[in-house]
Amino acid sequence: MTNEAWLKLPTVKEVPLQEAKGDKAVCGVCEHRCHIAEGKRGLCQCRANIGGRLYTLTYGDISAIESRPIEIKPFFHFWPGSSALTFSTWGCNLKCPWCQNYHLSKNLPEPGEGCFIPPERIVERALHAKDQGLCISFNEPLMLFEYSLDLFPRARKAGLYNSYVSNGYMTLEALGMLAKAGLDGLKIDIKGGPEAYKKYCKAKEEFVWRNAKAAKGLGIHVEMVNLIIPTVNVDDIQEVVRKHLEFVGKDTPLHFTRYHPEYEFYEPGPDIKVLEKAVHTARDAGIRFVYVGNVRGHRNENTICPECGEVLIVRDGPSVSSYNVKDGKCPKCGSLIPIVGKYDIGERQTLAKKDK
């Protein structure tokens, strides 16, 4: 199949953020801003220059899909206890050698062989499964950027929330378009400091923190996750904490998650004490909600009132076993606890249907 023949496929759609520069087209979706020649693809391999214009090759090409707890993302302050229809496509715009979902992110889209699911079917499937929202995850959701712009308004109209589990490397223009379309929640993975990004991910750290701050300014709920890899970013923890306070503030949740060997990276995972020390460092600096991830049953999976120490939400991995936040406050001391969405939200879709 020729590149021109791809244009007839439902998974191929023109990229809304692009400009011509000489004999190349410049992609404006992520901060690599690839200059793509005729017949070539960008770094992510998901957008191609066909006839001088850029087209995504992954529009609605769904590689995996299932209902999952929102806590598994992890989102701990965003519709707790809810379930999100979670799905992905192919490819990625970063080069992390420890990728946990490399079977998706390192595989390239093949036009003509994709599994196309139209946006309205995603919404229908979520409602049928009694999910409360959508989450684009597994691989980098920016690979479904164009699809998100069509899907999110439909999902919101149906009473569903929209969320991304992302590396945060989008352009400000792309972030603004996602916010306008209906992006409600954004989980951003922090890989470490500038050198970690440069050496392992072939990217620049500055854009990620900038985008986290911008997302909060757009009214999007943000949570930050730092995957701790002993030989890569342990020495960056204090800098991550400092930038977290500078860019997203003390009330934005920060998760320190435990790496395990995967894909092309075989260094052993960190001792739990390294994660616990990171939590203490963050709390001592003033971050109010700090968590440990990928250590099931750890006490720092729970949400604790930063003022009085009351245990507010008890978690067992991706499950909420106890919820004790009352009207957005600690029931013991009355401190405000920033959480988006009610814990009991089964009525949300019913109300949305009545509004139609």
Protein backbone atom coordinates (compact mmCIF):
# COMPACT_ATOMS: atom_id res chain seq x y z
CA MET A 1 0.00 0.00 0.00
CA THR A 2 1.41 3.40 -0.99
CA ASN A 3 1.52 6.39 1.33
CA GLU A 4 -1.13 8.12 -0.80
CA ALA A 5 -3.43 5.11 -0.39
CA TRP A 6 -3.15 5.51 3.40
CA LEU A 7 -5.23 8.68 3.15
CA LYS A 8 -8.33 6.57 2.55
CA LEU A 9 -7.90 4.70 5.85
CA PRO A 10 -9.88 5.70 8.97
CA THR A 11 -6.71 5.53 11.10
CA VAL A 12 -5.01 8.24 8.99
CA LYS A 13 -6.03 11.82 9.67
CA GLU A 14 -4.40 15.22 9.14
CA VAL A 15 -2.45 16.65 12.05
CA PRO A 16 -3.97 19.96 13.23
CA LEU A 17 -0.67 21.34 14.56
CA GLN A 18 1.82 21.66 11.69
CA GLU A 19 3.54 24.21 9.51
CA ALA A 20 5.56 24.13 6.31
CA LYS A 21 9.25 24.96 6.50
CA GLY A 22 11.11 24.70 3.23
CA ASP A 23 10.55 21.26 1.77
CA LYS A 24 9.58 19.77 5.14
CA ALA A 25 6.56 19.84 7.43
CA VAL A 26 7.10 20.70 11.12
CA CYS A 27 5.02 18.80 13.68
CA GLY A 28 3.69 20.89 16.55
CA VAL A 29 2.29 18.13 18.76
CA CYS A 30 5.33 17.53 20.98
CA GLU A 31 8.46 19.47 21.83
CA HIS A 32 10.68 17.51 19.49
CA ARG A 33 8.97 19.59 16.77
CA CYS A 34 10.17 17.16 14.13
CA HIS A 35 10.99 18.50 10.64
CA ILE A 36 9.62 15.71 8.46
CA ALA A 37 10.48 15.27 4.78
CA GLU A 38 8.10 13.92 2.16
CA GLY A 39 7.47 10.20 2.66
CA LYS A 40 9.15 10.15 6.08
CA ARG A 41 7.92 9.83 9.65
CA GLY A 42 8.76 11.82 12.77
CA LEU A 43 10.66 10.55 15.80
CA CYS A 44 7.55 8.93 17.26
CA GLN A 45 6.95 7.12 13.94
CA CYS A 46 3.23 7.90 14.27
CA ARG A 47 3.04 10.98 12.05
CA ALA A 48 4.11 11.05 8.40
CA ASN A 49 4.57 13.58 5.64
CA ILE A 50 2.28 12.64 2.77
CA GLY A 51 2.18 15.07 -0.12
CA GLY A 52 3.69 17.85 1.96
CA ARG A 53 1.17 17.59 4.81
CA LEU A 54 1.43 15.71 8.10
CA TYR A 55 -0.94 12.90 8.97
CA THR A 56 -1.30 10.79 12.08
CA LEU A 57 -1.17 7.06 11.37
CA THR A 58 -2.78 6.05 14.68
CA TYR A 59 -6.17 7.77 14.72
CA GLY A 60 -8.36 5.31 16.63
CA ASP A 61 -5.89 2.46 16.07
CA ILE A 62 -6.37 0.83 19.47
CA SER A 63 -3.68 -1.61 20.58
CA ALA A 64 -5.08 -2.49 24.03
CA ILE A 65 -8.27 -1.70 25.94
CA GLU A 66 -9.69 -2.65 29.34
CA SER A 67 -11.47 -1.19 32.37
CA ARG A 68 -9.02 -0.39 35.19
CA PRO A 69 -9.09 1.33 38.60
CA ILE A 70 -8.03 4.97 38.38
CA GLU A 71 -5.63 4.40 41.30
CA ILE A 72 -3.45 2.11 39.18
CA LYS A 73 -2.35 5.04 36.93
CA PRO A 74 -1.63 6.26 39.66
CA PHE A 75 -4.23 8.95 40.31
CA PHE A 76 -4.89 9.21 44.06
CA HIS A 77 -6.73 12.55 44.22
CA PHE A 78 -8.81 12.20 41.04
CA TRP A 79 -12.19 10.42 41.18
CA PRO A 80 -10.94 7.95 43.83
CA GLY A 81 -12.41 4.49 43.66
CA SER A 82 -13.63 4.97 40.11
CA SER A 83 -13.00 2.84 37.05
CA ALA A 84 -11.67 4.17 33.74
CA LEU A 85 -11.85 2.53 30.34
CA THR A 86 -8.13 2.52 29.56
CA PHE A 87 -6.70 2.18 26.08
CA SER A 88 -3.65 2.83 23.93
CA THR A 89 -2.18 2.79 20.45
CA TRP A 90 1.43 2.34 19.25
CA GLY A 91 4.69 4.28 19.47
CA CYS A 92 6.21 6.90 21.75
CA ASN A 93 8.08 10.19 21.54
CA LEU A 94 10.68 9.36 24.23
CA LYS A 95 13.38 6.68 24.19
CA CYS A 96 13.31 5.36 27.78
CA PRO A 97 15.21 2.03 27.84
CA TRP A 98 13.27 0.77 30.90
CA CYS A 99 9.81 1.07 29.31
CA GLN A 100 7.26 -1.20 31.03
CA ASN A 101 4.98 -1.32 27.99
CA TYR A 102 7.60 -1.63 25.28
CA HIS A 103 5.49 -4.16 23.38
CA LEU A 104 3.22 -1.19 22.56
CA SER A 105 5.50 1.84 22.66
CA LYS A 106 8.31 0.28 20.64
CA ASN A 107 6.04 -1.20 17.99
CA LEU A 108 5.23 1.01 15.02
CA PRO A 109 1.81 1.60 13.50
CA GLU A 110 1.20 -0.18 10.23
CA PRO A 111 -1.50 1.60 8.20
CA GLY A 112 -3.94 -0.88 6.75
CA GLU A 113 -3.39 -3.32 9.62
CA GLY A 114 -4.78 -1.24 12.46
CA CYS A 115 -7.74 -1.98 14.73
CA PHE A 116 -9.89 1.11 14.20
CA ILE A 117 -12.47 1.97 16.86
CA PRO A 118 -14.45 5.18 16.23
CA PRO A 119 -14.72 7.65 19.15
CA GLU A 120 -18.42 7.01 19.74
CA ARG A 121 -17.75 3.29 20.25
CA ILE A 122 -15.23 4.05 22.99
CA VAL A 123 -17.86 6.08 24.83
CA GLU A 124 -20.47 3.36 24.34
CA ARG A 125 -18.09 0.71 25.65
CA ALA A 126 -17.24 2.76 28.76
CA LEU A 127 -20.90 3.31 29.55
CA HIS A 128 -21.71 -0.36 29.00
CA ALA A 129 -18.89 -1.36 31.35
CA LYS A 130 -20.14 1.17 33.93
CA ASP A 131 -16.82 3.00 33.89
CA GLN A 132 -16.83 6.55 35.22
CA GLY A 133 -14.20 7.86 32.83
CA LEU A 134 -11.63 7.34 30.11
CA CYS A 135 -7.87 7.11 30.40
CA ILE A 136 -5.38 6.99 27.54
CA SER A 137 -2.39 5.13 28.90
CA PHE A 138 -0.05 2.12 28.41
CA ASN A 139 1.92 3.98 25.72
CA GLU A 140 2.27 7.78 25.43
CA PRO A 141 -1.26 9.20 24.90
CA LEU A 142 0.01 11.96 22.61
CA MET A 143 0.14 9.27 19.95
CA LEU A 144 -3.67 9.55 20.11
CA PHE A 145 -3.69 13.35 20.30
CA GLU A 146 -5.84 13.89 17.20
CA TYR A 147 -8.23 11.16 18.33
CA SER A 148 -8.49 12.74 21.80
CA LEU A 149 -9.73 16.00 20.29
CA ASP A 150 -12.73 14.18 18.81
CA LEU A 151 -13.26 11.72 21.65
CA PHE A 152 -13.11 13.91 24.75
CA PRO A 153 -16.10 16.17 23.97
CA ARG A 154 -18.23 13.07 23.33
CA ALA A 155 -17.11 11.53 26.61
CA ARG A 156 -17.85 14.67 28.61
CA LYS A 157 -21.32 14.90 27.09
CA ALA A 158 -21.91 11.33 28.27
CA GLY A 159 -20.83 12.20 31.83
CA LEU A 160 -17.38 10.61 31.64
CA TYR A 161 -14.11 12.18 32.76
CA ASN A 162 -11.05 12.24 30.48
CA SER A 163 -7.49 11.55 31.60
CA TYR A 164 -3.97 11.09 30.25
CA VAL A 165 -1.05 9.08 31.69
CA SER A 166 1.73 10.96 29.95
CA ASN A 167 5.41 11.83 29.83
CA GLY A 168 4.28 15.46 29.59
CA TYR A 169 6.30 16.29 26.48
CA MET A 170 3.54 18.00 24.50
CA THR A 171 3.74 21.54 23.17
CA LEU A 172 1.78 24.27 24.91
CA GLU A 173 -0.40 24.51 21.82
CA ALA A 174 -1.27 20.81 22.04
CA LEU A 175 -1.92 21.06 25.78
CA GLY A 176 -4.28 23.98 25.22
CA MET A 177 -6.21 22.05 22.59
CA LEU A 178 -6.51 19.04 24.90
CA ALA A 179 -7.81 21.24 27.71
CA LYS A 180 -10.37 22.82 25.41
CA ALA A 181 -11.48 19.38 24.18
CA GLY A 182 -12.07 18.19 27.75
CA LEU A 183 -8.92 16.78 29.36
CA ASP A 184 -9.71 16.59 33.08
CA GLY A 185 -6.75 14.73 34.59
CA LEU A 186 -3.05 14.55 33.67
CA LYS A 187 -0.55 12.24 35.32
CA ILE A 188 3.01 13.16 34.35
CA ASP A 189 6.04 10.90 34.68
CA ILE A 190 9.21 12.66 35.78
CA LYS A 191 12.27 10.72 34.63
CA GLY A 192 14.78 12.59 36.81
CA GLY A 193 16.99 15.61 36.26
CA PRO A 194 18.26 17.19 33.03
CA GLU A 195 21.05 14.66 32.51
CA ALA A 196 18.72 11.67 32.91
CA TYR A 197 16.41 13.12 30.27
CA LYS A 198 19.28 13.86 27.92
CA LYS A 199 21.13 10.57 28.33
CA TYR A 200 18.28 8.08 28.47
CA CYS A 201 15.16 9.73 27.01
CA LYS A 202 16.69 11.99 24.34
CA ALA A 203 14.58 14.87 25.63
CA LYS A 204 14.69 18.07 27.71
CA GLU A 205 13.38 18.12 31.26
CA GLU A 206 12.40 21.80 31.19
CA PHE A 207 9.37 21.25 28.95
CA VAL A 208 7.85 18.68 31.30
CA TRP A 209 7.80 20.94 34.36
CA ARG A 210 6.61 23.84 32.23
CA ASN A 211 3.70 21.75 30.98
CA ALA A 212 2.78 20.55 34.47
CA LYS A 213 2.47 24.16 35.62
CA ALA A 214 0.57 25.16 32.48
CA ALA A 215 -1.87 22.26 32.89
CA LYS A 216 -2.74 23.36 36.40
CA GLY A 217 -3.27 26.86 35.08
CA LEU A 218 -5.75 25.44 32.57
CA GLY A 219 -7.75 23.80 35.34
CA ILE A 220 -6.52 20.26 34.68
CA HIS A 221 -5.93 18.03 37.71
CA VAL A 222 -2.23 17.08 37.83
CA GLU A 223 -0.32 14.38 39.68
CA MET A 224 3.42 13.84 39.32
CA VAL A 225 5.19 10.47 39.37
CA ASN A 226 8.93 9.92 39.74
CA LEU A 227 10.00 6.36 38.87
CA ILE A 228 13.05 5.73 41.05
CA ILE A 229 15.90 3.97 39.23
CA PRO A 230 19.06 3.59 41.38
CA THR A 231 21.71 4.19 38.71
CA VAL A 232 19.72 6.89 36.91
CA ASN A 233 17.93 9.37 39.14
CA VAL A 234 18.30 8.74 42.90
CA ASP A 235 20.65 11.72 43.12
CA ASP A 236 17.97 13.85 41.44
CA ILE A 237 15.32 13.36 44.13
CA GLN A 238 16.02 16.61 45.99
CA GLU A 239 15.94 18.54 42.71
CA VAL A 240 12.66 16.87 41.73
CA VAL A 241 11.19 17.91 45.08
CA ARG A 242 12.42 21.49 44.64
CA LYS A 243 10.96 21.78 41.15
CA HIS A 244 7.72 20.16 42.23
CA LEU A 245 7.22 22.92 44.78
CA GLU A 246 8.29 25.61 42.31
CA PHE A 247 6.14 24.53 39.36
CA VAL A 248 3.09 22.72 40.75
CA GLY A 249 3.00 23.54 44.47
CA LYS A 250 2.68 21.77 47.78
CA ASP A 251 -0.86 20.43 47.25
CA THR A 252 -0.11 18.56 44.01
CA PRO A 253 0.36 14.84 44.76
CA LEU A 254 3.86 13.43 44.21
CA HIS A 255 4.39 9.67 43.81
CA PHE A 256 7.76 7.92 44.13
CA THR A 257 7.35 4.57 42.40
CA ARG A 258 9.59 1.54 42.41
CA TYR A 259 11.27 0.63 39.14
CA HIS A 260 11.78 -2.98 38.14
CA PRO A 261 13.98 -4.24 35.25
CA GLU A 262 12.30 -4.22 31.85
CA TYR A 263 12.96 -3.91 28.11
CA GLU A 264 16.65 -2.95 27.68
CA PHE A 265 17.45 -1.94 31.27
CA TYR A 266 18.41 -4.60 33.79
CA GLU A 267 19.71 -2.71 36.80
CA PRO A 268 18.10 -4.01 40.03
CA GLY A 269 15.22 -2.07 41.52
CA PRO A 270 15.71 0.25 44.51
CA ASP A 271 15.53 -0.77 48.14
CA ILE A 272 12.25 0.31 49.72
CA LYS A 273 14.25 2.49 52.10
CA VAL A 274 15.27 4.66 49.12
CA LEU A 275 11.60 5.33 48.39
CA GLU A 276 10.84 5.99 52.03
CA LYS A 277 13.71 8.46 52.25
CA ALA A 278 12.37 10.22 49.16
CA VAL A 279 8.96 10.52 50.85
CA HIS A 280 10.54 12.03 53.97
CA THR A 281 12.58 14.44 51.84
CA ALA A 282 9.45 15.63 50.03
CA ARG A 283 7.37 15.98 53.18
CA ASP A 284 10.13 17.80 55.04
CA ALA A 285 10.33 20.26 52.12
CA GLY A 286 6.60 20.99 52.45
CA ILE A 287 4.86 18.76 49.89
CA ARG A 288 1.63 17.72 51.60
CA PHE A 289 0.65 14.56 49.71
CA VAL A 290 3.49 12.15 48.96
CA TYR A 291 3.14 8.49 48.06
CA VAL A 292 5.08 5.28 47.45
CA GLY A 293 4.12 3.23 44.39
CA ASN A 294 4.71 -0.33 43.16
CA VAL A 295 5.08 -1.53 46.78
CA ARG A 296 1.71 -3.06 47.54
CA GLY A 297 0.56 -2.71 51.13
CA HIS A 298 3.02 0.04 52.02
CA ARG A 299 1.69 2.58 54.51
CA ASN A 300 2.59 5.40 52.12
CA GLU A 301 -0.04 4.18 49.65
CA ASN A 302 -2.56 5.82 51.98
CA THR A 303 -3.71 9.43 52.05
CA ILE A 304 -2.98 11.04 55.40
CA CYS A 305 -4.10 14.45 56.60
CA PRO A 306 -0.95 16.58 56.51
CA GLU A 307 -2.18 18.66 59.46
CA CYS A 308 -3.35 16.13 62.06
CA GLY A 309 -2.14 12.77 60.73
CA GLU A 310 -5.59 11.22 60.37
CA VAL A 311 -5.66 8.35 57.86
CA LEU A 312 -8.20 9.45 55.25
CA ILE A 313 -7.95 6.96 52.39
CA VAL A 314 -6.65 3.41 52.82
CA ARG A 315 -5.46 1.66 49.68
CA ASP A 316 -4.42 -1.86 48.87
CA GLY A 317 -2.59 -1.49 45.58
CA PRO A 318 -5.15 -0.21 43.06
CA SER A 319 -8.11 -0.69 45.42
CA VAL A 320 -9.63 1.77 47.90
CA SER A 321 -10.57 -0.14 51.05
CA SER A 322 -11.53 2.84 53.23
CA TYR A 323 -12.53 6.41 52.37
CA ASN A 324 -12.91 9.05 55.06
CA VAL A 325 -12.83 12.46 53.35
CA LYS A 326 -15.97 14.44 54.17
CA ASP A 327 -17.00 17.28 51.84
CA GLY A 328 -13.39 17.71 50.75
CA LYS A 329 -12.12 17.99 54.31
CA CYS A 330 -10.46 15.94 57.01
CA PRO A 331 -13.29 14.93 59.40
CA LYS A 332 -10.99 15.23 62.41
CA CYS A 333 -9.41 18.70 61.99
CA GLY A 334 -11.32 20.23 59.07
CA SER A 335 -8.27 20.73 56.84
CA LEU A 336 -9.02 20.99 53.11
CA ILE A 337 -8.02 17.86 51.16
CA PRO A 338 -7.74 18.58 47.41
CA ILE A 339 -9.62 15.77 45.70
CA VAL A 340 -11.42 15.95 42.35
CA GLY A 341 -14.70 14.05 42.21
CA LYS A 342 -16.84 12.21 44.71
CA TYR A 343 -15.92 8.76 45.94
CA ASP A 344 -19.43 7.43 45.31
CA ILE A 345 -20.02 8.43 41.70
CA GLY A 346 -22.19 5.67 40.33
CA GLU A 347 -25.02 8.14 39.71
CA ARG A 348 -22.95 10.37 37.41
CA GLN A 349 -23.72 8.64 34.12
CA THR A 350 -27.44 8.35 34.99
CA LEU A 351 -27.63 12.10 35.55
CA ALA A 352 -25.80 12.75 32.27
CA LYS A 353 -28.28 10.59 30.36
CA LYS A 354 -31.21 12.49 31.87
CA ASP A 355 -29.71 15.77 30.65
CA LYS A 356 -29.69 14.63 27.01
